Protein backbone atom coordinates (compact mmCIF):
# COMPACT_ATOMS: atom_id res chain seq x y z
CA MET A 1 -45.52 12.16 12.18
CA SER A 2 -47.84 10.51 10.38
CA ARG A 3 -51.55 12.06 9.69
CA PRO A 4 -53.59 9.57 11.55
CA ALA A 5 -50.79 9.45 14.50
CA ALA A 6 -51.18 13.32 14.41
CA PHE A 7 -54.82 12.92 15.19
CA ILE A 8 -54.82 10.28 17.57
CA LYS A 9 -52.81 12.46 19.68
CA SER A 10 -54.50 15.35 19.21
CA SER A 11 -58.10 13.57 20.53
CA LEU A 12 -56.50 12.14 23.02
CA ASN A 13 -55.65 15.80 24.63
CA TRP A 14 -59.63 16.20 25.32
CA THR A 15 -59.21 19.84 26.69
CA ARG A 16 -59.05 20.86 23.00
CA TRP A 17 -62.40 20.13 22.41
CA LEU A 18 -63.68 22.31 25.36
CA ARG A 19 -65.00 25.81 25.00
CA THR A 20 -62.56 28.95 25.34
CA ALA A 21 -63.24 32.26 26.31
CA ARG A 22 -62.31 34.87 23.60
CA ALA A 23 -61.93 38.48 23.42
CA ASP A 24 -64.31 40.95 21.24
CA ALA A 25 -63.96 44.46 19.77
CA ARG A 26 -65.26 46.00 23.31
CA ARG A 27 -63.32 43.60 26.07
CA GLY A 28 -60.99 40.86 26.95
CA PRO A 29 -62.23 37.12 27.22
CA VAL A 30 -65.24 36.83 29.72
CA LEU A 31 -65.62 33.70 31.78
CA THR A 32 -69.33 33.30 31.12
CA THR A 33 -71.61 30.39 32.31
CA ARG A 34 -70.95 28.65 28.75
CA HIS A 35 -67.36 28.30 29.70
CA ILE A 36 -66.94 27.10 33.28
CA TYR A 37 -66.54 23.54 33.93
CA ILE A 38 -66.41 21.73 37.38
CA LEU A 39 -65.59 18.57 38.53
CA PRO A 40 -64.53 17.07 42.17
CA THR A 41 -60.96 17.03 43.26
CA ARG A 42 -59.82 13.80 44.92
CA ALA A 43 -61.18 15.23 48.29
CA GLY A 44 -64.39 15.74 46.74
CA THR A 45 -64.14 12.17 45.07
CA LEU A 46 -63.46 10.89 48.90
CA TYR A 47 -66.29 13.00 50.20
CA GLY A 48 -68.67 11.71 48.09
CA THR A 49 -68.00 8.07 48.75
CA ILE A 50 -67.98 8.58 52.12
CA ILE A 51 -71.43 10.27 51.71
CA ILE A 52 -72.82 7.30 49.40
CA ALA A 53 -71.70 4.91 52.33
CA MET A 54 -73.20 6.64 54.99
CA LEU A 55 -76.80 6.86 52.81
CA LEU A 56 -76.32 2.78 52.54
CA GLY A 57 -75.77 1.97 56.16
CA SER A 58 -78.63 4.38 57.22
CA ILE A 59 -80.69 2.41 54.92
CA ASN A 60 -79.64 -1.00 56.15
CA TYR A 61 -79.94 -0.24 59.97
CA SER A 62 -82.74 2.47 59.30
CA LEU A 63 -80.93 5.07 61.02
CA SER A 64 -82.71 8.30 61.02
CA LEU A 65 -79.97 10.26 62.35
CA GLY A 66 -78.00 8.93 59.84
CA PHE A 67 -80.16 9.95 57.29
CA VAL A 68 -80.33 13.79 58.51
CA LEU A 69 -76.28 13.31 58.78
CA THR A 70 -76.15 12.09 55.24
CA PHE A 71 -78.48 14.72 53.87
CA LEU A 72 -76.87 17.52 55.87
CA LEU A 73 -73.57 16.59 54.36
CA ALA A 74 -74.86 15.92 50.76
CA ALA A 75 -76.46 19.52 50.90
CA LEU A 76 -73.16 21.20 52.15
CA GLY A 77 -71.60 19.61 49.30
CA ILE A 78 -74.11 21.22 46.94
CA VAL A 79 -73.83 25.12 48.47
CA CYS A 80 -69.80 24.25 47.93
CA MET A 81 -70.68 23.47 44.28
CA LEU A 82 -72.66 26.77 43.97
CA HIS A 83 -70.03 28.90 45.72
CA THR A 84 -67.17 27.41 43.82
CA TRP A 85 -68.84 28.36 40.38
CA ARG A 86 -69.74 31.63 41.49
CA ASN A 87 -66.21 32.13 42.39
CA LEU A 88 -65.05 31.82 38.80
CA ALA A 89 -68.44 33.00 36.94
CA TRP A 90 -67.80 36.58 34.88
CA LEU A 91 -64.66 37.29 35.74
CA GLU A 92 -62.70 39.01 32.60
CA VAL A 93 -59.44 38.76 31.97
CA SER A 94 -58.69 42.74 31.14
CA HIS A 95 -54.85 42.69 30.52
CA CYS A 96 -51.90 40.13 29.46
CA GLN A 97 -48.51 41.09 28.54
CA ALA A 98 -44.77 40.23 28.97
CA SER A 99 -41.64 42.42 28.52
CA PRO A 100 -38.89 41.25 26.63
CA VAL A 101 -36.17 39.06 27.78
CA PHE A 102 -33.24 37.09 26.50
CA ALA A 103 -33.58 33.75 25.32
CA GLY A 104 -32.83 31.40 28.48
CA GLU A 105 -34.06 33.68 30.96
CA GLU A 106 -37.69 33.22 32.53
CA ALA A 107 -40.10 35.75 31.12
CA THR A 108 -43.01 37.60 33.31
CA LEU A 109 -46.70 36.88 32.31
CA GLU A 110 -48.57 40.15 33.85
CA ILE A 111 -52.39 38.93 33.90
CA ARG A 112 -54.84 41.40 34.78
CA LEU A 113 -58.44 39.89 36.17
CA LYS A 114 -61.41 42.35 36.20
CA GLU A 115 -64.28 41.65 38.72
CA SER A 116 -67.49 43.20 37.98
CA SER A 117 -70.39 41.64 39.73
CA GLY A 118 -69.81 43.01 43.20
CA ARG A 119 -68.63 39.76 44.54
CA MET A 120 -65.11 38.95 46.74
CA ARG A 121 -63.10 36.50 44.50
CA HIS A 122 -60.76 33.90 46.74
CA ALA A 123 -57.87 32.39 45.38
CA ILE A 124 -58.15 32.63 41.47
CA TYR A 125 -55.50 30.40 40.18
CA ALA A 126 -53.87 31.43 36.73
CA SER A 127 -51.20 28.93 34.63
CA CYS A 128 -50.79 28.45 30.91
CA ALA A 129 -49.22 25.02 29.36
CA ALA A 130 -45.51 26.05 29.45
CA CYS A 131 -45.54 28.27 32.87
CA LEU A 132 -43.60 27.07 35.50
CA GLN A 133 -46.35 27.07 38.61
CA PRO A 134 -49.51 28.53 38.88
CA GLN A 135 -50.10 31.52 40.94
CA SER A 136 -53.45 33.22 43.01
CA THR A 137 -54.57 35.99 43.84
CA ASP A 138 -57.75 37.86 45.55
CA ILE A 139 -59.88 40.04 43.56
CA PRO A 140 -62.06 42.75 45.77
CA PRO A 141 -65.26 43.48 44.36
CA ARG A 142 -65.60 45.75 41.06
CA GLN A 143 -61.70 45.96 41.01
CA SER A 144 -58.73 44.25 39.41
CA GLY A 145 -56.31 41.68 40.48
CA THR A 146 -52.89 40.70 39.29
CA ILE A 147 -51.30 37.58 38.76
CA THR A 148 -47.87 36.82 37.53
CA LEU A 149 -46.43 33.60 36.10
CA ALA A 150 -42.63 32.87 35.23
CA TYR A 151 -42.65 31.72 31.70
CA PRO A 152 -39.56 30.34 30.30
CA THR A 153 -37.93 30.98 27.21
CA THR A 154 -35.50 28.88 24.84
CA ARG A 155 -35.65 30.52 21.13
CA ARG A 156 -35.53 34.06 19.90
CA GLY A 157 -38.20 35.69 17.87
CA TRP A 158 -42.34 35.82 19.26
CA SER A 159 -43.18 33.45 21.66
CA GLU A 160 -47.01 32.73 22.48
CA PRO A 161 -47.94 31.12 25.94
CA GLY A 162 -51.01 29.68 24.29
CA ARG A 163 -54.36 29.88 26.33
CA LEU A 164 -54.67 30.43 30.06
CA THR A 165 -56.15 28.39 32.42
CA LEU A 166 -58.05 29.92 35.41
CA PHE A 167 -59.40 27.79 38.00
CA THR A 168 -60.43 27.63 42.00
CA VAL A 169 -61.05 25.19 44.49
CA PHE A 170 -62.48 28.20 46.96
CA PRO A 171 -64.09 27.47 49.41
CA LEU A 172 -63.79 23.68 50.70
CA GLY A 173 -61.50 22.22 48.34
CA LEU A 174 -64.06 19.64 47.42
CA LEU A 175 -64.63 20.96 43.85
CA GLN A 176 -62.65 22.31 41.19
CA ALA A 177 -64.01 25.24 38.82
CA TRP A 178 -62.00 26.07 35.67
CA SER A 179 -62.17 27.94 32.29
CA TYR A 180 -59.80 28.51 29.33
CA ALA A 181 -59.43 32.19 28.05
CA ASP A 182 -57.35 32.94 25.05
CA THR A 183 -55.73 36.32 25.36
CA ASP A 184 -53.71 36.79 22.07
CA CYS A 185 -50.64 37.41 24.55
CA ARG A 186 -47.24 36.77 22.75
CA LEU A 187 -43.74 37.94 24.12
CA LEU A 188 -40.76 39.21 22.29
CA VAL A 189 -37.61 36.88 22.91
CA TYR A 190 -34.25 38.47 22.44
CA PRO A 191 -31.10 36.16 21.30
CA ARG A 192 -29.06 34.83 23.80
CA PRO A 193 -25.75 37.25 23.86
CA ALA A 194 -22.57 35.64 23.33
CA ALA A 195 -19.74 35.09 26.08
CA SER A 196 -18.13 38.24 27.17
CA GLY A 197 -14.57 38.88 26.08
CA ARG A 198 -15.06 38.82 22.53
CA SER A 199 -13.74 41.99 21.08
CA SER A 200 -16.03 43.83 19.31
CA ALA A 201 -15.35 44.11 15.27
CA THR A 202 -16.95 47.38 15.11
CA SER A 203 -16.49 49.83 12.10
CA THR A 204 -16.38 53.77 12.45
CA ASP A 205 -18.90 55.55 10.74
CA GLN A 206 -17.76 55.21 7.04
CA ALA A 207 -19.64 58.57 5.95
CA GLY A 208 -17.43 60.57 8.14
CA LYS A 209 -14.36 58.44 7.48
CA GLY A 210 -13.71 57.93 11.21
CA SER A 211 -14.45 61.68 12.23
CA ARG A 212 -15.77 62.43 15.87
CA ASP A 213 -19.34 63.17 15.95
CA SER A 214 -20.39 63.48 19.48
CA LEU A 215 -19.20 64.11 22.75
CA LEU A 216 -19.23 62.24 26.02
CA GLY A 217 -18.07 62.67 29.49
CA ASP A 218 -16.42 65.48 31.38
CA GLN A 219 -12.86 64.83 30.94
CA ASP A 220 -11.72 68.39 29.41
CA PHE A 221 -11.96 71.72 30.89
CA ALA A 222 -13.69 74.10 28.65
CA GLY A 223 -14.04 77.82 30.38
CA LEU A 224 -15.89 79.60 32.78
CA ARG A 225 -19.70 80.46 32.73
CA HIS A 226 -22.18 82.32 34.72
CA TYR A 227 -23.30 80.27 37.75
CA ARG A 228 -27.10 78.63 37.17
CA PRO A 229 -29.25 77.36 39.77
CA GLY A 230 -28.79 73.90 39.98
CA ASP A 231 -24.75 73.34 39.09
CA SER A 232 -23.35 71.27 41.43
CA PRO A 233 -21.37 73.01 43.94
CA ARG A 234 -18.18 71.05 43.31
CA ARG A 235 -18.15 73.22 39.81
CA ILE A 236 -18.07 76.46 41.16
CA ASP A 237 -14.90 78.20 40.96
CA TRP A 238 -14.21 79.74 44.25
CA LYS A 239 -11.28 81.78 43.11
CA ALA A 240 -13.12 83.98 40.62
CA SER A 241 -16.42 84.22 43.29
CA SER A 242 -14.03 85.74 46.06
CA ARG A 243 -13.13 88.40 43.88
CA GLU A 244 -16.61 89.71 44.09
CA GLN A 245 -16.63 89.23 40.13
CA GLY A 246 -19.84 87.29 40.37
CA MET A 247 -20.65 83.45 40.80
CA TYR A 248 -18.72 81.33 38.23
CA SER A 249 -18.83 77.65 36.85
CA LYS A 250 -16.60 75.72 35.38
CA HIS A 251 -17.59 74.08 32.01
CA PHE A 252 -16.23 70.95 30.84
CA GLN A 253 -16.38 69.15 27.06
CA GLY A 254 -16.24 65.55 26.89
CA GLU A 255 -13.80 63.56 24.93
CA PRO A 256 -15.32 63.42 21.25
CA VAL A 257 -15.61 59.79 20.16
CA SER A 258 -16.98 58.38 16.82
CA SER A 259 -20.09 56.87 15.98
CA VAL A 260 -19.57 52.72 15.51
CA TRP A 261 -21.45 50.42 13.29
CA LEU A 262 -21.80 46.81 14.02
CA ASP A 263 -21.90 45.03 10.77
CA TRP A 264 -23.24 41.29 10.44
CA HIS A 265 -20.49 40.89 7.49
CA GLU A 266 -17.43 41.38 10.55
CA THR A 267 -19.03 38.60 12.38
CA THR A 268 -17.76 34.92 12.85
CA GLY A 269 -18.93 31.74 13.82
CA PRO A 270 -20.06 28.25 12.30
CA ASP A 271 -23.53 29.12 12.10
CA GLY A 272 -26.12 32.22 11.75
CA GLU A 273 -27.37 32.18 15.10
CA GLU A 274 -24.13 31.98 16.41
CA ARG A 275 -23.27 35.26 14.32
CA ILE A 276 -26.88 36.79 15.82
CA CYS A 277 -25.61 36.16 19.67
CA GLN A 278 -22.18 38.10 18.43
CA LEU A 279 -24.37 41.01 17.40
CA VAL A 280 -26.39 40.91 20.57
CA ARG A 281 -22.90 41.00 22.65
CA TRP A 282 -21.78 43.91 20.79
CA VAL A 283 -24.77 45.84 21.14
CA VAL A 284 -25.26 45.31 24.87
CA ASP A 285 -21.68 46.46 25.03
CA ALA A 286 -22.10 49.75 22.65
CA HIS A 287 -25.15 50.29 24.89
CA GLN A 288 -23.53 49.85 28.45
CA ALA A 289 -20.70 52.04 26.80
CA GLY A 290 -23.19 55.10 26.29
CA GLY A 291 -21.92 55.43 22.78
CA ARG A 292 -23.64 56.26 19.33
CA TYR A 293 -23.70 52.83 17.21
CA GLY A 294 -25.44 51.44 14.16
CA LEU A 295 -26.49 48.20 13.37
CA ARG A 296 -26.04 46.76 9.47
CA LEU A 297 -27.73 43.49 8.52
CA PRO A 298 -28.44 42.02 5.36
CA GLN A 299 -31.99 43.44 4.77
CA LEU A 300 -31.80 46.29 7.65
CA THR A 301 -29.79 49.23 8.66
CA LEU A 302 -30.67 51.38 11.78
CA ALA A 303 -28.71 54.42 11.71
CA ALA A 304 -26.23 55.33 14.46
CA ASP A 305 -27.90 56.35 17.80
CA ARG A 306 -27.82 56.08 21.48
CA GLY A 307 -30.54 55.38 24.31
CA GLU A 308 -32.83 52.59 25.28
CA ALA A 309 -35.46 53.08 22.57
CA HIS A 310 -32.69 52.31 20.13
CA TYR A 311 -31.27 49.37 22.18
CA HIS A 312 -34.63 47.81 22.03
CA ARG A 313 -34.95 48.40 18.52
CA CYS A 314 -31.43 46.62 17.55
CA LEU A 315 -32.46 43.85 19.85
CA GLN A 316 -35.84 43.30 18.04
CA ALA A 317 -34.29 43.21 14.60
CA LEU A 318 -32.12 40.85 15.87
CA ALA A 319 -34.60 38.88 17.48
CA LEU A 320 -36.77 38.77 14.06
CA MET A 321 -34.18 38.46 11.78
CA GLU A 322 -34.08 36.09 9.10
CA LEU A 323 -31.10 34.59 8.25
CA PRO A 324 -30.01 34.68 4.80
CA ALA A 325 -29.64 31.67 2.53
């Protein structure tokens, strides 16, 4: 796209020129009076048209009761405008975050709004450019409300939902007040795992020459030990206990297994992204197996370990990996 065409396209999106509330060092974005815009909805436009028609009819036929009804409805619209504006004013976006997901899944944006003016806020909606559908919440006085938005993901790496749009049509739906807030929220998208069923081309720990360095499970009987509070009744040796020699519990030792390494150079695929997806599948399978596993990438090596923290470290490394030239 040429520069003039890009400028014209950006200029047509007039909302980018509107003020956006931003966070400062003390708190999140606050919707002050400078950041709130208000316009009639379709129902409000029809309502205003009817009032104008009633005013013209009252003037033409000199209807005193017509003037009373016209100005009463006009005053109702003005009061509605005030309450619609007040329903959004001085709200604070105190929190915005999303948990990591795999590419192709829907992430959940959690947005927390804080009310500090002592007024009940009704039907506050939130949305973003890429979110699937706006969601709403009610916020009690001097409390917080949470809105969750479904956010689709397509590519690995950091994804930024962009600025939030907060709006309301309370109380009568005649006017819509809205404001924009920049939360600097971003979420991490893990690469999509390759299809299950592929064999995991993993290698044993080279330093140990395949030696077994960890124990998992409880397959092998290792002996007896004195009973400890909390031991399962299934593991109590009732025969030994019946000899009045004290309470004993059976002690089992798992089968030793070796640490495995998930190596970038052992992946196959037509391009780098497919090889990353294959590594993600191996990480998921190794984590579900419960063993120790390490990850070797061209620019990074993660030592063999297990657990949720290690699992997410490996997925984050793959999500942010730069493909070798």
